[in-house]
C-alpha atoms as a PDB file:
ATOM      1  CA  MET A   1      95.135 112.166  88.035  1.00  0.00           C
ATOM      2  CA  GLY A   2      97.729 114.862  88.542  1.00  0.00           C
ATOM      3  CA  TRP A   3     100.735 114.678  90.789  1.00  0.00           C
ATOM      4  CA  ARG A   4      99.079 117.032  93.278  1.00  0.00           C
ATOM      5  CA  MET A   5      96.170 114.644  93.749  1.00  0.00           C
ATOM      6  CA  ILE A   6      98.533 111.692  94.159  1.00  0.00           C
ATOM      7  CA  PHE A   7     100.549 113.673  96.710  1.00  0.00           C
ATOM      8  CA  ALA A   8      97.389 114.665  98.608  1.00  0.00           C
ATOM      9  CA  ARG A   9      96.151 111.067  98.649  1.00  0.00           C
ATOM     10  CA  ARG A  10      99.458 109.885 100.094  1.00  0.00           C
ATOM     11  CA  VAL A  11      99.356 112.577 102.786  1.00  0.00           C
ATOM     12  CA  LEU A  12      95.797 111.614 103.693  1.00  0.00           C
ATOM     13  CA  ALA A  13      96.672 107.900 103.725  1.00  0.00           C
ATOM     14  CA  ILE A  14      99.428 108.475 106.283  1.00  0.00           C
ATOM     15  CA  ALA A  15      97.232 110.778 108.366  1.00  0.00           C
ATOM     16  CA  ARG A  16      94.409 108.243 108.214  1.00  0.00           C
ATOM     17  CA  LYS A  17      96.773 105.498 109.409  1.00  0.00           C
ATOM     18  CA  ASP A  18      97.759 107.581 112.425  1.00  0.00           C
ATOM     19  CA  LEU A  19      94.192 108.605 113.238  1.00  0.00           C
ATOM     20  CA  VAL A  20      92.820 105.062 112.906  1.00  0.00           C
ATOM     21  CA  ALA A  21      95.616 103.708 115.112  1.00  0.00           C
ATOM     22  CA  GLU A  22      94.897 106.409 117.685  1.00  0.00           C
ATOM     23  CA  TRP A  23      91.167 105.778 117.559  1.00  0.00           C
ATOM     24  CA  ARG A  24      91.632 102.045 118.071  1.00  0.00           C
ATOM     25  CA  ASP A  25      93.547 102.248 121.321  1.00  0.00           C
ATOM     26  CA  ARG A  26      92.665 105.808 122.417  1.00  0.00           C
ATOM     27  CA  GLU A  27      95.619 105.662 124.772  1.00  0.00           C
ATOM     28  CA  SER A  28      97.188 108.979 123.793  1.00  0.00           C
ATOM     29  CA  ILE A  29      93.921 110.890 123.685  1.00  0.00           C
ATOM     30  CA  THR A  30      92.934 109.578 127.104  1.00  0.00           C
ATOM     31  CA  ALA A  31      96.341 110.408 128.588  1.00  0.00           C
ATOM     32  CA  MET A  32      96.360 113.848 126.991  1.00  0.00           C
ATOM     33  CA  CYS A  33      92.825 114.684 128.191  1.00  0.00           C
ATOM     34  CA  PHE A  34      93.627 113.519 131.705  1.00  0.00           C
ATOM     35  CA  PHE A  35      96.853 115.508 131.709  1.00  0.00           C
ATOM     36  CA  ALA A  36      95.064 118.652 130.469  1.00  0.00           C
ATOM     37  CA  PHE A  37      92.451 118.225 133.205  1.00  0.00           C
ATOM     38  CA  LEU A  38      95.170 117.680 135.793  1.00  0.00           C
ATOM     39  CA  VAL A  39      97.103 120.799 134.764  1.00  0.00           C
ATOM     40  CA  LEU A  40      93.963 122.943 134.719  1.00  0.00           C
ATOM     41  CA  PHE A  41      92.772 121.526 138.044  1.00  0.00           C
ATOM     42  CA  LEU A  42      96.102 121.968 139.809  1.00  0.00           C
ATOM     43  CA  PHE A  43      96.487 125.561 138.663  1.00  0.00           C
ATOM     44  CA  ASN A  44      92.902 126.288 139.678  1.00  0.00           C
ATOM     45  CA  PHE A  45      93.623 124.797 143.085  1.00  0.00           C
ATOM     46  CA  ALA A  46      96.902 126.714 143.377  1.00  0.00           C
ATOM     47  CA  LEU A  47      95.288 130.061 142.556  1.00  0.00           C
ATOM     48  CA  GLY A  48      92.563 129.565 145.142  1.00  0.00           C
ATOM     49  CA  GLY A  49      89.398 131.596 144.873  1.00  0.00           C
ATOM     50  CA  ASP A  50      90.946 134.902 143.805  1.00  0.00           C
ATOM     51  CA  GLN A  51      88.785 135.681 140.753  1.00  0.00           C
ATOM     52  CA  THR A  52      90.900 138.672 139.724  1.00  0.00           C
ATOM     53  CA  LEU A  53      94.059 136.596 139.624  1.00  0.00           C
ATOM     54  CA  ILE A  54      92.261 133.763 137.841  1.00  0.00           C
ATOM     55  CA  ARG A  55      90.947 136.121 135.138  1.00  0.00           C
ATOM     56  CA  GLU A  56      94.394 137.627 134.612  1.00  0.00           C
ATOM     57  CA  ALA A  57      96.191 134.276 134.416  1.00  0.00           C
ATOM     58  CA  SER A  58      93.504 132.178 132.726  1.00  0.00           C
ATOM     59  CA  SER A  59      94.605 132.517 129.113  1.00  0.00           C
ATOM     60  CA  GLY A  60      98.200 131.693 129.993  1.00  0.00           C
ATOM     61  CA  LEU A  61      97.091 128.686 132.014  1.00  0.00           C
ATOM     62  CA  LEU A  62      94.957 127.415 129.157  1.00  0.00           C
ATOM     63  CA  TRP A  63      97.843 127.666 126.691  1.00  0.00           C
ATOM     64  CA  LEU A  64     100.200 126.122 129.210  1.00  0.00           C
ATOM     65  CA  ALA A  65      97.876 123.135 129.476  1.00  0.00           C
ATOM     66  CA  PHE A  66      97.706 122.957 125.669  1.00  0.00           C
ATOM     67  CA  ALA A  67     101.494 123.083 125.349  1.00  0.00           C
ATOM     68  CA  PHE A  68     102.089 120.379 127.949  1.00  0.00           C
ATOM     69  CA  THR A  69      99.475 118.056 126.492  1.00  0.00           C
ATOM     70  CA  GLY A  70     100.694 118.713 122.960  1.00  0.00           C
ATOM     71  CA  VAL A  71     104.248 117.748 123.870  1.00  0.00           C
ATOM     72  CA  LEU A  72     102.928 114.627 125.571  1.00  0.00           C
ATOM     73  CA  GLY A  73     100.905 113.704 122.477  1.00  0.00           C
ATOM     74  CA  LEU A  74     103.756 114.292 120.053  1.00  0.00           C
ATOM     75  CA  ALA A  75     106.146 112.230 122.160  1.00  0.00           C
ATOM     76  CA  ARG A  76     103.653 109.365 122.407  1.00  0.00           C
ATOM     77  CA  SER A  77     103.066 109.478 118.654  1.00  0.00           C
ATOM     78  CA  VAL A  78     106.740 108.959 117.870  1.00  0.00           C
ATOM     79  CA  GLN A  79     107.134 106.374 120.642  1.00  0.00           C
ATOM     80  CA  GLY A  80     104.302 104.392 119.076  1.00  0.00           C
ATOM     81  CA  GLU A  81     106.118 104.311 115.760  1.00  0.00           C
ATOM     82  CA  LEU A  82     109.292 103.100 117.474  1.00  0.00           C
ATOM     83  CA  ALA A  83     107.615 100.566 119.757  1.00  0.00           C
ATOM     84  CA  ASN A  84     105.778  98.851 116.918  1.00  0.00           C
ATOM     85  CA  ASP A  85     108.733  99.003 114.492  1.00  0.00           C
ATOM     86  CA  CYS A  86     106.577 101.007 112.104  1.00  0.00           C
ATOM     87  CA  LEU A  87     109.213 103.588 111.302  1.00  0.00           C
ATOM     88  CA  ASP A  88     111.017 101.424 108.749  1.00  0.00           C
ATOM     89  CA  GLY A  89     107.721 100.485 107.124  1.00  0.00           C
ATOM     90  CA  LEU A  90     106.721 104.129 106.971  1.00  0.00           C
ATOM     91  CA  LEU A  91     110.010 105.039 105.307  1.00  0.00           C
ATOM     92  CA  LEU A  92     109.468 102.252 102.768  1.00  0.00           C
ATOM     93  CA  TYR A  93     106.044 103.653 101.859  1.00  0.00           C
ATOM     94  CA  PRO A  94     106.162 104.820  98.223  1.00  0.00           C
ATOM     95  CA  ALA A  95     105.750 108.496  98.963  1.00  0.00           C
ATOM     96  CA  GLU A  96     107.850 111.588  99.091  1.00  0.00           C
ATOM     97  CA  ARG A  97     109.332 112.478 102.468  1.00  0.00           C
ATOM     98  CA  GLU A  98     107.254 115.656 102.378  1.00  0.00           C
ATOM     99  CA  ALA A  99     104.068 113.592 102.099  1.00  0.00           C
ATOM    100  CA  ILE A 100     105.109 111.483 105.087  1.00  0.00           C
ATOM    101  CA  PHE A 101     105.853 114.612 107.114  1.00  0.00           C
ATOM    102  CA  LEU A 102     102.581 116.298 106.161  1.00  0.00           C
ATOM    103  CA  GLY A 103     100.617 113.138 106.917  1.00  0.00           C
ATOM    104  CA  LYS A 104     102.182 112.847 110.368  1.00  0.00           C
ATOM    105  CA  LEU A 105     101.593 116.567 110.870  1.00  0.00           C
ATOM    106  CA  PHE A 106      97.910 116.352 109.934  1.00  0.00           C
ATOM    107  CA  GLY A 107      97.369 113.366 112.221  1.00  0.00           C
ATOM    108  CA  SER A 108      99.069 115.090 115.151  1.00  0.00           C
ATOM    109  CA  PHE A 109      97.187 118.320 114.473  1.00  0.00           C
ATOM    110  CA  CYS A 110      93.824 116.537 114.562  1.00  0.00           C
ATOM    111  CA  VAL A 111      94.595 114.731 117.830  1.00  0.00           C
ATOM    112  CA  ILE A 112      95.924 117.855 119.563  1.00  0.00           C
ATOM    113  CA  LEU A 113      92.984 119.943 118.341  1.00  0.00           C
ATOM    114  CA  LEU A 114      90.525 117.326 119.586  1.00  0.00           C
ATOM    115  CA  VAL A 115      92.092 117.403 123.048  1.00  0.00           C
ATOM    116  CA  GLU A 116      91.968 121.199 123.037  1.00  0.00           C
ATOM    117  CA  LEU A 117      88.282 121.161 122.112  1.00  0.00           C
ATOM    118  CA  ILE A 118      87.626 118.725 124.958  1.00  0.00           C
ATOM    119  CA  SER A 119      89.622 120.986 127.301  1.00  0.00           C
ATOM    120  CA  PHE A 120      87.527 124.104 126.603  1.00  0.00           C
ATOM    121  CA  PRO A 121      84.469 123.000 128.626  1.00  0.00           C
ATOM    122  CA  ILE A 122      86.708 121.696 131.415  1.00  0.00           C
ATOM    123  CA  PHE A 123      88.426 125.081 131.525  1.00  0.00           C
ATOM    124  CA  ALA A 124      85.092 126.936 131.509  1.00  0.00           C
ATOM    125  CA  ILE A 125      83.769 124.851 134.402  1.00  0.00           C
ATOM    126  CA  LEU A 126      86.909 124.888 136.562  1.00  0.00           C
ATOM    127  CA  TYR A 127      87.560 128.602 136.148  1.00  0.00           C
ATOM    128  CA  ASN A 128      83.881 129.629 136.134  1.00  0.00           C
ATOM    129  CA  MET A 129      84.243 131.512 132.852  1.00  0.00           C
ATOM    130  CA  ASP A 130      81.830 132.068 130.026  1.00  0.00           C
ATOM    131  CA  ILE A 131      83.989 131.233 127.023  1.00  0.00           C
ATOM    132  CA  TRP A 132      81.055 130.318 124.781  1.00  0.00           C
ATOM    133  CA  SER A 133      80.360 133.898 123.701  1.00  0.00           C
ATOM    134  CA  GLN A 134      84.008 134.249 122.688  1.00  0.00           C
ATOM    135  CA  LEU A 135      84.331 130.793 121.125  1.00  0.00           C
ATOM    136  CA  PRO A 136      84.648 131.975 117.476  1.00  0.00           C
ATOM    137  CA  LYS A 137      87.496 134.318 118.434  1.00  0.00           C
ATOM    138  CA  LEU A 138      89.081 131.616 120.552  1.00  0.00           C
ATOM    139  CA  LEU A 139      88.947 129.122 117.685  1.00  0.00           C
ATOM    140  CA  LEU A 140      90.323 131.744 115.295  1.00  0.00           C
ATOM    141  CA  ILE A 141      93.451 131.808 117.447  1.00  0.00           C
ATOM    142  CA  THR A 142      93.510 128.165 118.547  1.00  0.00           C
ATOM    143  CA  VAL A 143      93.461 126.516 115.115  1.00  0.00           C
ATOM    144  CA  PRO A 144      96.464 128.357 113.589  1.00  0.00           C
ATOM    145  CA  ALA A 145      98.394 128.214 116.869  1.00  0.00           C
ATOM    146  CA  THR A 146      97.800 124.467 117.082  1.00  0.00           C
ATOM    147  CA  LEU A 147      98.887 124.055 113.471  1.00  0.00           C
ATOM    148  CA  GLY A 148     102.116 125.929 114.193  1.00  0.00           C
ATOM    149  CA  PHE A 149     102.719 123.958 117.372  1.00  0.00           C
ATOM    150  CA  ALA A 150     102.039 120.649 115.619  1.00  0.00           C
ATOM    151  CA  THR A 151     104.335 121.633 112.741  1.00  0.00           C
ATOM    152  CA  ALA A 152     107.248 122.492 115.018  1.00  0.00           C
ATOM    153  CA  GLY A 153     106.602 119.467 117.221  1.00  0.00           C
ATOM    154  CA  THR A 154     106.333 117.044 114.317  1.00  0.00           C
ATOM    155  CA  LEU A 155     109.522 118.407 112.788  1.00  0.00           C
ATOM    156  CA  LEU A 156     111.465 118.164 116.046  1.00  0.00           C
ATOM    157  CA  SER A 157     110.145 114.717 116.937  1.00  0.00           C
ATOM    158  CA  THR A 158     110.950 113.309 113.512  1.00  0.00           C
ATOM    159  CA  MET A 159     114.419 114.856 113.650  1.00  0.00           C
ATOM    160  CA  THR A 160     115.158 113.374 117.067  1.00  0.00           C
ATOM    161  CA  VAL A 161     113.522 109.984 116.577  1.00  0.00           C
ATOM    162  CA  GLY A 162     116.878 108.384 115.827  1.00  0.00           C
ATOM    163  CA  LEU A 163     118.381 109.847 118.981  1.00  0.00           C
ATOM    164  CA  ARG A 164     115.629 108.411 121.141  1.00  0.00           C
ATOM    165  CA  ALA A 165     116.018 104.962 119.639  1.00  0.00           C
ATOM    166  CA  LYS A 166     119.650 104.615 120.724  1.00  0.00           C
END
């Protein structure tokens, strides 16, 4: 087995650990979904029934909900590592730091993307929009944007984890 396969297996092992831990308690996903619903609902309520204004602002509101919930999810991910004293164990894992980062990134990306996929029907219902015909185009933008957001968020949260602990 080559070093690339070993590296990939280590990345997937760390991502799997994060995803299994998230699936067991479902606390972050539930909080993120509720928060996304709350943001979308409050903005829908604030805009009233003006369909022209809703159509003009809808994409920005959707991405605003994604950004807020993504920040919430990334913060909860790092807090979970600190609360359970898993950070030292993770650093002792026999893997390169890059593999640890990519594993955390992949886990965060999957959770954020799942919440976004759950938010699409909520958005379509609340804003009375037919997004299903445009879903392939929407996903073509959502997946890379979420990857970029998760990359920046994972990098910043791992850089500041020591600051939060003190």
